[in-house]
C-alpha atoms as a PDB file:
ATOM      1  CA  MET A   1     -23.971 -20.702  13.906  1.00  0.00           C
ATOM      2  CA  SER A   2     -23.595 -19.727  10.193  1.00  0.00           C
ATOM      3  CA  ALA A   3     -24.279 -16.109  10.986  1.00  0.00           C
ATOM      4  CA  SER A   4     -21.390 -15.970  13.525  1.00  0.00           C
ATOM      5  CA  ILE A   5     -18.992 -17.511  11.009  1.00  0.00           C
ATOM      6  CA  LEU A   6     -20.051 -15.060   8.345  1.00  0.00           C
ATOM      7  CA  GLY A   7     -19.641 -12.176  10.860  1.00  0.00           C
ATOM      8  CA  GLU A   8     -16.136 -13.426  11.706  1.00  0.00           C
ATOM      9  CA  VAL A   9     -15.152 -13.590   8.026  1.00  0.00           C
ATOM     10  CA  GLY A  10     -16.501 -10.068   7.458  1.00  0.00           C
ATOM     11  CA  GLY A  11     -14.397  -8.787  10.367  1.00  0.00           C
ATOM     12  CA  LEU A  12     -11.280 -10.440   8.961  1.00  0.00           C
ATOM     13  CA  LEU A  13     -11.858  -8.934   5.487  1.00  0.00           C
ATOM     14  CA  GLY A  14     -12.358  -5.496   7.104  1.00  0.00           C
ATOM     15  CA  ALA A  15      -9.086  -5.841   9.030  1.00  0.00           C
ATOM     16  CA  ALA A  16      -7.239  -6.923   5.880  1.00  0.00           C
ATOM     17  CA  TRP A  17      -8.563  -3.892   3.930  1.00  0.00           C
ATOM     18  CA  ILE A  18      -7.499  -1.501   6.728  1.00  0.00           C
ATOM     19  CA  ARG A  19      -3.990  -2.993   6.860  1.00  0.00           C
ATOM     20  CA  ASP A  20      -3.655  -2.803   3.084  1.00  0.00           C
ATOM     21  CA  THR A  21      -4.644   0.835   2.889  1.00  0.00           C
ATOM     22  CA  ALA A  22      -2.486   1.700   5.927  1.00  0.00           C
ATOM     23  CA  THR A  23       0.650   0.232   4.299  1.00  0.00           C
ATOM     24  CA  ARG A  24       0.054   1.227   0.696  1.00  0.00           C
ATOM     25  CA  LEU A  25       2.322   3.965  -0.567  1.00  0.00           C
ATOM     26  CA  ASP A  26       0.842   6.304  -3.197  1.00  0.00           C
ATOM     27  CA  CYS A  27       2.722   8.624  -5.464  1.00  0.00           C
ATOM     28  CA  PRO A  28       2.457  12.237  -4.139  1.00  0.00           C
ATOM     29  CA  SER A  29       2.518  13.494  -7.728  1.00  0.00           C
ATOM     30  CA  CYS A  30      -0.204  11.425  -9.527  1.00  0.00           C
ATOM     31  CA  GLY A  31      -1.719   9.380  -6.647  1.00  0.00           C
ATOM     32  CA  SER A  32      -0.902   6.037  -8.270  1.00  0.00           C
ATOM     33  CA  ALA A  33      -0.239   3.017  -6.040  1.00  0.00           C
ATOM     34  CA  HIS A  34       2.271   1.680  -8.557  1.00  0.00           C
ATOM     35  CA  VAL A  35       5.358   2.536  -6.529  1.00  0.00           C
ATOM     36  CA  ALA A  36       8.717   0.761  -6.448  1.00  0.00           C
ATOM     37  CA  GLN A  37      11.154   0.986  -3.575  1.00  0.00           C
ATOM     38  CA  VAL A  38      14.785   1.548  -4.717  1.00  0.00           C
ATOM     39  CA  LEU A  39      18.114   2.033  -3.062  1.00  0.00           C
ATOM     40  CA  GLY A  40      19.138   5.704  -2.988  1.00  0.00           C
ATOM     41  CA  ASP A  41      22.498   7.238  -3.860  1.00  0.00           C
ATOM     42  CA  ASN A  42      23.766   7.311  -0.287  1.00  0.00           C
ATOM     43  CA  GLY A  43      22.371   3.964   0.785  1.00  0.00           C
ATOM     44  CA  GLY A  44      19.019   5.405   1.837  1.00  0.00           C
ATOM     45  CA  ILE A  45      15.622   4.312   0.519  1.00  0.00           C
ATOM     46  CA  SER A  46      13.879   6.115  -2.299  1.00  0.00           C
ATOM     47  CA  TYR A  47      10.671   5.482  -4.183  1.00  0.00           C
ATOM     48  CA  VAL A  48       9.778   5.716  -7.841  1.00  0.00           C
ATOM     49  CA  CYS A  49       6.300   5.826  -9.327  1.00  0.00           C
ATOM     50  CA  THR A  50       6.190   3.418 -12.219  1.00  0.00           C
ATOM     51  CA  ALA A  51       3.102   5.179 -13.606  1.00  0.00           C
ATOM     52  CA  CYS A  52       4.471   8.707 -13.963  1.00  0.00           C
ATOM     53  CA  GLY A  53       8.220   8.383 -13.147  1.00  0.00           C
ATOM     54  CA  HIS A  54       8.166  10.718 -10.152  1.00  0.00           C
ATOM     55  CA  SER A  55      10.866   9.857  -7.542  1.00  0.00           C
ATOM     56  CA  TRP A  56      11.103  10.843  -3.882  1.00  0.00           C
ATOM     57  CA  SER A  57      12.702   9.752  -0.636  1.00  0.00           C
END
């Protein structure tokens, strides 16, 4: 029974890792994951890398 619980926990951790990497936004300039979402000039969404200062939308 313990092995099945450990297997279940391992599966959940794997799914959490996949979800985290699928939703993470990396800076296209330096590759850093330190990205902030900001409101753009025309009401759109833009992003700014807090590591290198690169901005994009």
